[in-house]
């Protein structure tokens, strides 16, 4: 088992959305990843970098370059990247050229702040995958580990599927 520290990079997305009241829309606020990991009593060493607070539909090429630069510059070789699900596969493609790092993207179809969210499970899957998978780009969603370059989001079914 690999016990090297994991870098958690947050970029926003549904996983970090907050709902204020019935009259407001969701907003991406301070990341809850630290709280989720604390609640889960994660003992594995990790470091969190809150990089962006954007819906993934708003991510630009410059944002993806910043994500890649942050991952390349990090001393950690095992990375968990929280990300919105709508463009997660585009970011996975943008990270494909990074060598010698295991990069695992995860998100949620329901905000982490909701009791019935898939966020904690997806984050746990990402942590496990980051520790055990070979270098490359992976996506963990809905209890499945996907090759990050051979997956797509099926919006109608509300899940990720292999391509």
C-alpha atoms as a PDB file:
ATOM      1  CA  UNK A   1       0.000   0.000   0.000  1.00  0.00           C
ATOM      2  CA  UNK A   2       1.297   3.442  -0.871  1.00  0.00           C
ATOM      3  CA  UNK A   3       1.349   5.845   2.080  1.00  0.00           C
ATOM      4  CA  UNK A   4       2.800   8.837   0.259  1.00  0.00           C
ATOM      5  CA  UNK A   5       0.774  12.033   0.842  1.00  0.00           C
ATOM      6  CA  UNK A   6      -2.152  12.850  -1.420  1.00  0.00           C
ATOM      7  CA  UNK A   7      -2.691  16.331  -2.806  1.00  0.00           C
ATOM      8  CA  UNK A   8      -6.372  17.299  -2.955  1.00  0.00           C
ATOM      9  CA  UNK A   9      -6.986  20.095  -5.463  1.00  0.00           C
ATOM     10  CA  UNK A  10     -10.473  21.625  -5.415  1.00  0.00           C
ATOM     11  CA  UNK A  11     -11.901  23.427  -8.422  1.00  0.00           C
ATOM     12  CA  UNK A  12     -15.569  23.854  -7.484  1.00  0.00           C
ATOM     13  CA  UNK A  13     -18.428  22.071  -9.185  1.00  0.00           C
ATOM     14  CA  UNK A  14     -21.575  20.632  -7.664  1.00  0.00           C
ATOM     15  CA  UNK A  15     -19.570  18.822  -4.985  1.00  0.00           C
ATOM     16  CA  UNK A  16     -18.842  22.226  -3.364  1.00  0.00           C
ATOM     17  CA  UNK A  17     -22.127  24.011  -4.108  1.00  0.00           C
ATOM     18  CA  UNK A  18     -24.148  25.534  -1.308  1.00  0.00           C
ATOM     19  CA  UNK A  19     -27.862  26.265  -1.298  1.00  0.00           C
ATOM     20  CA  UNK A  20     -28.790  29.299   0.785  1.00  0.00           C
ATOM     21  CA  UNK A  21     -32.599  29.463   0.636  1.00  0.00           C
ATOM     22  CA  UNK A  22     -35.587  28.751  -1.577  1.00  0.00           C
ATOM     23  CA  UNK A  23     -35.142  32.016  -3.486  1.00  0.00           C
ATOM     24  CA  UNK A  24     -31.473  31.675  -4.310  1.00  0.00           C
ATOM     25  CA  UNK A  25     -29.498  29.533  -6.712  1.00  0.00           C
ATOM     26  CA  UNK A  26     -26.635  27.261  -5.794  1.00  0.00           C
ATOM     27  CA  UNK A  27     -23.330  29.009  -5.227  1.00  0.00           C
ATOM     28  CA  UNK A  28     -19.872  27.514  -4.958  1.00  0.00           C
ATOM     29  CA  UNK A  29     -18.461  28.497  -1.589  1.00  0.00           C
ATOM     30  CA  UNK A  30     -15.508  27.416   0.543  1.00  0.00           C
ATOM     31  CA  UNK A  31     -14.674  23.789  -0.129  1.00  0.00           C
ATOM     32  CA  UNK A  32     -16.048  21.146   2.222  1.00  0.00           C
ATOM     33  CA  UNK A  33     -13.415  18.545   1.285  1.00  0.00           C
ATOM     34  CA  UNK A  34     -11.458  19.073   4.505  1.00  0.00           C
ATOM     35  CA  UNK A  35     -14.633  18.551   6.533  1.00  0.00           C
ATOM     36  CA  UNK A  36     -15.561  15.412   4.578  1.00  0.00           C
ATOM     37  CA  UNK A  37     -12.098  13.940   5.133  1.00  0.00           C
ATOM     38  CA  UNK A  38     -12.193  14.865   8.828  1.00  0.00           C
ATOM     39  CA  UNK A  39     -15.666  13.336   9.268  1.00  0.00           C
ATOM     40  CA  UNK A  40     -14.450  10.161   7.560  1.00  0.00           C
ATOM     41  CA  UNK A  41     -11.493  10.102   9.977  1.00  0.00           C
ATOM     42  CA  UNK A  42      -8.989   9.913   7.125  1.00  0.00           C
ATOM     43  CA  UNK A  43      -5.590   9.165   8.635  1.00  0.00           C
ATOM     44  CA  UNK A  44      -3.722   9.031   5.345  1.00  0.00           C
ATOM     45  CA  UNK A  45      -1.569  12.168   4.951  1.00  0.00           C
ATOM     46  CA  UNK A  46      -3.049  14.771   2.622  1.00  0.00           C
ATOM     47  CA  UNK A  47      -2.820  18.439   1.726  1.00  0.00           C
ATOM     48  CA  UNK A  48      -5.661  20.531   0.291  1.00  0.00           C
ATOM     49  CA  UNK A  49      -5.242  23.328  -2.252  1.00  0.00           C
ATOM     50  CA  UNK A  50      -8.419  25.292  -2.960  1.00  0.00           C
ATOM     51  CA  UNK A  51      -7.536  26.358  -6.476  1.00  0.00           C
ATOM     52  CA  UNK A  52     -10.826  27.448  -8.078  1.00  0.00           C
ATOM     53  CA  UNK A  53     -14.472  27.948  -7.146  1.00  0.00           C
ATOM     54  CA  UNK A  54     -16.182  27.500 -10.485  1.00  0.00           C
ATOM     55  CA  UNK A  55     -18.930  25.503 -12.070  1.00  0.00           C
ATOM     56  CA  UNK A  56     -17.142  23.236 -14.534  1.00  0.00           C
ATOM     57  CA  UNK A  57     -19.146  24.702 -17.424  1.00  0.00           C
ATOM     58  CA  UNK A  58     -17.361  28.006 -16.685  1.00  0.00           C
ATOM     59  CA  UNK A  59     -13.830  26.554 -16.719  1.00  0.00           C
ATOM     60  CA  UNK A  60     -11.581  28.021 -19.394  1.00  0.00           C
ATOM     61  CA  UNK A  61      -8.488  26.727 -21.145  1.00  0.00           C
ATOM     62  CA  UNK A  62      -6.490  29.026 -18.831  1.00  0.00           C
ATOM     63  CA  UNK A  63      -8.152  27.395 -15.803  1.00  0.00           C
ATOM     64  CA  UNK A  64      -7.196  23.937 -17.080  1.00  0.00           C
ATOM     65  CA  UNK A  65      -3.634  25.167 -17.656  1.00  0.00           C
ATOM     66  CA  UNK A  66      -3.577  26.421 -14.037  1.00  0.00           C
ATOM     67  CA  UNK A  67      -4.817  23.037 -12.786  1.00  0.00           C
ATOM     68  CA  UNK A  68      -2.126  21.248 -14.804  1.00  0.00           C
ATOM     69  CA  UNK A  69       0.607  23.650 -13.636  1.00  0.00           C
ATOM     70  CA  UNK A  70      -0.463  23.181 -10.007  1.00  0.00           C
ATOM     71  CA  UNK A  71      -0.330  19.391 -10.332  1.00  0.00           C
ATOM     72  CA  UNK A  72       3.006  19.420 -12.183  1.00  0.00           C
ATOM     73  CA  UNK A  73       4.601  21.723  -9.578  1.00  0.00           C
ATOM     74  CA  UNK A  74       3.336  19.732  -6.578  1.00  0.00           C
ATOM     75  CA  UNK A  75       5.788  17.466  -4.777  1.00  0.00           C
ATOM     76  CA  UNK A  76       3.020  14.869  -4.360  1.00  0.00           C
ATOM     77  CA  UNK A  77       2.725  12.160  -7.008  1.00  0.00           C
ATOM     78  CA  UNK A  78      -0.793  11.141  -5.993  1.00  0.00           C
ATOM     79  CA  UNK A  79      -3.487  13.698  -6.718  1.00  0.00           C
ATOM     80  CA  UNK A  80      -7.243  13.885  -6.090  1.00  0.00           C
ATOM     81  CA  UNK A  81      -8.943  16.622  -8.107  1.00  0.00           C
ATOM     82  CA  UNK A  82     -12.498  17.589  -7.186  1.00  0.00           C
ATOM     83  CA  UNK A  83     -14.314  18.867 -10.228  1.00  0.00           C
ATOM     84  CA  UNK A  84     -17.734  19.517 -11.692  1.00  0.00           C
ATOM     85  CA  UNK A  85     -19.077  16.566 -13.639  1.00  0.00           C
ATOM     86  CA  UNK A  86     -20.154  18.400 -16.801  1.00  0.00           C
ATOM     87  CA  UNK A  87     -16.624  18.988 -18.117  1.00  0.00           C
ATOM     88  CA  UNK A  88     -14.651  16.546 -15.969  1.00  0.00           C
ATOM     89  CA  UNK A  89     -13.624  14.514 -19.007  1.00  0.00           C
ATOM     90  CA  UNK A  90     -12.307  17.630 -20.782  1.00  0.00           C
ATOM     91  CA  UNK A  91     -10.039  18.363 -17.827  1.00  0.00           C
ATOM     92  CA  UNK A  92      -8.956  14.714 -17.740  1.00  0.00           C
ATOM     93  CA  UNK A  93      -7.880  15.066 -21.378  1.00  0.00           C
ATOM     94  CA  UNK A  94      -5.969  18.267 -20.531  1.00  0.00           C
ATOM     95  CA  UNK A  95      -4.060  16.435 -17.762  1.00  0.00           C
ATOM     96  CA  UNK A  96      -3.203  13.374 -19.843  1.00  0.00           C
ATOM     97  CA  UNK A  97       0.332  14.546 -20.638  1.00  0.00           C
ATOM     98  CA  UNK A  98       1.447  14.774 -17.018  1.00  0.00           C
ATOM     99  CA  UNK A  99       3.999  12.035 -16.392  1.00  0.00           C
ATOM    100  CA  UNK A 100       4.664   9.950 -13.265  1.00  0.00           C
ATOM    101  CA  UNK A 101       1.594  11.104 -11.321  1.00  0.00           C
ATOM    102  CA  UNK A 102      -1.620   9.326 -10.454  1.00  0.00           C
ATOM    103  CA  UNK A 103      -4.409  11.863 -10.951  1.00  0.00           C
ATOM    104  CA  UNK A 104      -7.948  10.974  -9.887  1.00  0.00           C
ATOM    105  CA  UNK A 105     -10.866  13.260 -10.678  1.00  0.00           C
ATOM    106  CA  UNK A 106     -14.077  13.011  -8.713  1.00  0.00           C
ATOM    107  CA  UNK A 107     -17.189  15.080  -8.243  1.00  0.00           C
ATOM    108  CA  UNK A 108     -20.794  14.698  -7.215  1.00  0.00           C
ATOM    109  CA  UNK A 109     -24.203  14.772  -8.814  1.00  0.00           C
ATOM    110  CA  UNK A 110     -25.585  16.266  -5.566  1.00  0.00           C
ATOM    111  CA  UNK A 111     -23.797  18.868  -3.377  1.00  0.00           C
ATOM    112  CA  UNK A 112     -21.696  17.419  -0.528  1.00  0.00           C
ATOM    113  CA  UNK A 113     -23.668  19.511   1.942  1.00  0.00           C
ATOM    114  CA  UNK A 114     -26.798  17.429   1.188  1.00  0.00           C
ATOM    115  CA  UNK A 115     -27.420  14.378   3.387  1.00  0.00           C
ATOM    116  CA  UNK A 116     -28.047  12.074   0.431  1.00  0.00           C
ATOM    117  CA  UNK A 117     -25.066  13.242  -1.620  1.00  0.00           C
ATOM    118  CA  UNK A 118     -22.758  10.908  -3.486  1.00  0.00           C
ATOM    119  CA  UNK A 119     -19.834  13.239  -2.676  1.00  0.00           C
ATOM    120  CA  UNK A 120     -18.320  11.445   0.333  1.00  0.00           C
ATOM    121  CA  UNK A 121     -18.412   8.065  -1.403  1.00  0.00           C
ATOM    122  CA  UNK A 122     -16.875   9.448  -4.597  1.00  0.00           C
ATOM    123  CA  UNK A 123     -14.154  11.211  -2.605  1.00  0.00           C
ATOM    124  CA  UNK A 124     -13.411   7.976  -0.726  1.00  0.00           C
ATOM    125  CA  UNK A 125     -13.175   6.082  -4.000  1.00  0.00           C
ATOM    126  CA  UNK A 126     -10.815   8.750  -5.321  1.00  0.00           C
ATOM    127  CA  UNK A 127      -8.588   8.456  -2.231  1.00  0.00           C
ATOM    128  CA  UNK A 128      -8.401   4.677  -2.597  1.00  0.00           C
ATOM    129  CA  UNK A 129      -7.723   4.914  -6.321  1.00  0.00           C
ATOM    130  CA  UNK A 130      -4.999   7.529  -5.797  1.00  0.00           C
ATOM    131  CA  UNK A 131      -3.223   5.112  -3.455  1.00  0.00           C
ATOM    132  CA  UNK A 132      -3.487   2.021  -5.641  1.00  0.00           C
ATOM    133  CA  UNK A 133      -3.745   2.986  -9.320  1.00  0.00           C
ATOM    134  CA  UNK A 134      -0.851   3.281 -11.719  1.00  0.00           C
ATOM    135  CA  UNK A 135       0.228   6.722 -12.918  1.00  0.00           C
ATOM    136  CA  UNK A 136      -2.295   8.209 -15.319  1.00  0.00           C
ATOM    137  CA  UNK A 137      -5.637   9.997 -15.240  1.00  0.00           C
ATOM    138  CA  UNK A 138      -8.619   8.315 -13.612  1.00  0.00           C
ATOM    139  CA  UNK A 139     -12.214   9.289 -12.809  1.00  0.00           C
ATOM    140  CA  UNK A 140     -14.134   7.811  -9.880  1.00  0.00           C
ATOM    141  CA  UNK A 141     -17.889   8.253  -9.960  1.00  0.00           C
ATOM    142  CA  UNK A 142     -20.836   6.133  -8.835  1.00  0.00           C
ATOM    143  CA  UNK A 143     -18.731   3.317  -7.397  1.00  0.00           C
ATOM    144  CA  UNK A 144     -16.656   2.820 -10.535  1.00  0.00           C
ATOM    145  CA  UNK A 145     -13.070   3.647 -11.458  1.00  0.00           C
ATOM    146  CA  UNK A 146     -12.825   4.784 -15.067  1.00  0.00           C
ATOM    147  CA  UNK A 147      -9.865   5.401 -17.320  1.00  0.00           C
ATOM    148  CA  UNK A 148     -10.131   9.199 -17.454  1.00  0.00           C
ATOM    149  CA  UNK A 149      -9.537   9.195 -21.204  1.00  0.00           C
ATOM    150  CA  UNK A 150     -12.152   6.550 -22.034  1.00  0.00           C
ATOM    151  CA  UNK A 151     -15.286   7.753 -20.254  1.00  0.00           C
ATOM    152  CA  UNK A 152     -18.153  10.153 -20.794  1.00  0.00           C
ATOM    153  CA  UNK A 153     -21.004  11.532 -18.736  1.00  0.00           C
ATOM    154  CA  UNK A 154     -24.393  10.138 -19.767  1.00  0.00           C
ATOM    155  CA  UNK A 155     -26.626  13.054 -18.767  1.00  0.00           C
ATOM    156  CA  UNK A 156     -29.862  11.171 -19.410  1.00  0.00           C
ATOM    157  CA  UNK A 157     -28.853   8.269 -17.164  1.00  0.00           C
ATOM    158  CA  UNK A 158     -27.161  10.568 -14.613  1.00  0.00           C
ATOM    159  CA  UNK A 159     -23.936   8.569 -14.538  1.00  0.00           C
ATOM    160  CA  UNK A 160     -20.559   8.068 -16.205  1.00  0.00           C
ATOM    161  CA  UNK A 161     -20.078   5.288 -18.753  1.00  0.00           C
ATOM    162  CA  UNK A 162     -17.114   3.777 -20.582  1.00  0.00           C
ATOM    163  CA  UNK A 163     -16.553   4.717 -24.216  1.00  0.00           C
END
